[in-house]
Amino acid sequence: MFVPVTRYRPATYLIDKRGIIRYIKIGEGDYGKTEWQIQALLPER
């Protein structure tokens, strides 16, 4: 099981259904890119 350890808050991790980390975003902002990554992963479900 992946347990992220970071000194930065907030942090966003997108993990696919196989458990592979597909995207890491540290800090706030860049919400459009995060949304794009989510939309790219949804068809894989």
Protein backbone atom coordinates (compact mmCIF):
# COMPACT_ATOMS: atom_id res chain seq x y z
CA MET A 1 0.00 0.00 0.00
CA PHE A 2 1.30 3.43 -0.97
CA VAL A 3 1.54 5.85 1.93
CA PRO A 4 2.64 9.26 0.70
CA VAL A 5 5.14 11.07 2.86
CA THR A 6 5.48 14.74 2.08
CA ARG A 7 6.48 17.86 3.92
CA TYR A 8 4.31 19.92 1.61
CA ARG A 9 0.63 20.58 2.04
CA PRO A 10 -1.60 20.23 0.15
CA ALA A 11 -0.51 17.42 -2.14
CA THR A 12 -2.60 15.62 -4.76
CA TYR A 13 -1.83 12.10 -5.92
CA LEU A 14 -3.75 10.42 -8.74
CA ILE A 15 -3.39 6.66 -8.69
CA ASP A 16 -4.76 4.41 -11.43
CA LYS A 17 -6.72 1.21 -10.88
CA ARG A 18 -3.51 -0.84 -10.97
CA GLY A 19 -2.06 1.21 -8.12
CA ILE A 20 0.42 3.14 -10.26
CA ILE A 21 0.94 6.80 -9.40
CA ARG A 22 0.03 8.70 -12.54
CA TYR A 23 0.16 12.29 -11.32
CA ILE A 24 1.61 14.19 -8.36
CA LYS A 25 0.86 17.84 -7.65
CA ILE A 26 2.47 19.56 -4.69
CA GLY A 27 0.96 22.83 -3.53
CA GLU A 28 -2.07 24.77 -4.58
CA GLY A 29 -3.08 26.00 -8.01
CA ASP A 30 -2.86 24.49 -11.48
CA TYR A 31 -6.35 23.08 -11.01
CA GLY A 32 -6.96 22.92 -14.75
CA LYS A 33 -4.04 20.54 -15.24
CA THR A 34 -5.21 18.36 -12.35
CA GLU A 35 -8.72 18.23 -13.83
CA TRP A 36 -7.24 17.30 -17.22
CA GLN A 37 -5.33 14.43 -15.61
CA ILE A 38 -8.49 13.18 -13.86
CA GLN A 39 -10.45 13.26 -17.12
CA ALA A 40 -7.64 11.36 -18.89
CA LEU A 41 -7.75 8.60 -16.24
CA LEU A 42 -11.53 8.18 -16.09
CA PRO A 43 -11.86 6.13 -19.31
CA GLU A 44 -9.48 3.55 -17.80
CA ARG A 45 -11.93 2.60 -15.08
